[in-house]
Protein backbone atom coordinates (compact mmCIF):
# COMPACT_ATOMS: atom_id res chain seq x y z
CA MET A 1 0.13 0.07 0.00
CA THR A 2 1.62 3.50 -0.99
CA MET A 3 1.80 6.05 1.57
CA GLN A 4 -0.77 8.17 -0.33
CA THR A 5 -3.56 5.29 -0.04
CA ARG A 6 -1.92 5.30 3.72
CA ILE A 7 -2.75 8.87 4.03
CA ILE A 8 -6.25 8.90 2.08
CA LEU A 9 -7.86 6.05 4.39
CA ALA A 10 -6.53 7.43 7.54
CA VAL A 11 -8.40 10.76 6.56
CA ALA A 12 -11.09 8.97 6.06
CA THR A 13 -10.96 6.89 9.24
CA TRP A 14 -10.79 9.95 11.09
CA CYS A 15 -13.57 11.64 9.57
CA LEU A 16 -15.70 8.77 10.03
CA ALA A 17 -15.05 8.68 13.62
CA ALA A 18 -15.25 12.44 14.44
CA VAL A 19 -18.94 12.18 12.92
CA ALA A 20 -20.10 9.13 14.62
CA VAL A 21 -18.92 10.44 17.55
CA VAL A 22 -19.58 14.15 17.35
CA LEU A 23 -22.93 14.34 15.50
CA PRO A 24 -24.99 12.23 18.37
CA LEU A 25 -23.25 14.48 21.07
CA VAL A 26 -24.14 17.48 19.07
CA TRP A 27 -27.71 16.18 19.11
CA LEU A 28 -28.16 15.45 22.56
CA ILE A 29 -26.73 18.68 24.06
CA ASN A 30 -29.19 20.47 21.57
CA ASN A 31 -32.39 18.59 22.10
CA ARG A 32 -32.52 17.06 25.80
CA ASP A 33 -32.56 19.08 28.91
CA TRP A 34 -30.03 17.61 30.41
CA GLY A 35 -27.91 17.74 27.43
CA ILE A 36 -25.80 20.75 28.57
CA GLY A 37 -24.48 18.47 31.11
CA LEU A 38 -22.93 16.72 27.74
CA MET A 39 -20.60 19.94 27.52
CA LEU A 40 -18.55 18.82 30.63
CA LEU A 41 -17.49 16.06 27.70
CA VAL A 42 -16.67 17.81 24.75
CA PRO A 43 -12.83 18.60 25.82
CA PHE A 44 -12.33 14.95 26.35
CA VAL A 45 -13.88 13.94 22.91
CA VAL A 46 -11.88 16.64 20.71
CA TYR A 47 -8.52 15.47 22.86
CA GLY A 48 -9.72 11.37 22.19
CA LEU A 49 -10.01 12.66 18.33
CA MET A 50 -7.04 14.65 18.41
CA ARG A 51 -4.80 11.27 19.82
CA LEU A 52 -6.54 9.34 17.00
CA ALA A 53 -5.52 11.89 14.41
CA ARG A 54 -1.88 11.32 15.81
CA ALA A 55 -2.11 7.75 15.87
CA LEU A 56 -3.40 7.66 12.36
CA GLU A 57 -0.90 10.09 11.19
CA GLY A 58 1.80 7.83 12.38
CA TRP A 59 0.19 4.77 10.84
CA ALA A 60 0.12 6.59 7.58
CA ARG A 61 3.79 8.12 7.59
CA ALA A 62 5.06 4.48 8.76
CA SER A 63 7.51 3.41 6.48
CA GLU A 64 7.03 0.18 4.59
CA PRO A 65 9.23 -2.87 5.15
CA PRO A 66 11.47 -3.26 2.01
CA SER A 67 9.58 -6.07 -0.28
CA GLY A 68 12.24 -8.63 -1.97
């Protein structure tokens, strides 16, 4: 797998994870009376997404083992 393919897969994976986590969180905050309490989770969610992005970047930029 080329590095460009890995980068595209990493970005797509992160985008799907971000939408899967943020969209329900935003919906709950907006539509539930107790949703404002979820605002306390937002910094941890953002931190987790940042950690995921760094891990995916490391995976995408890892050197490939020499073939042959």
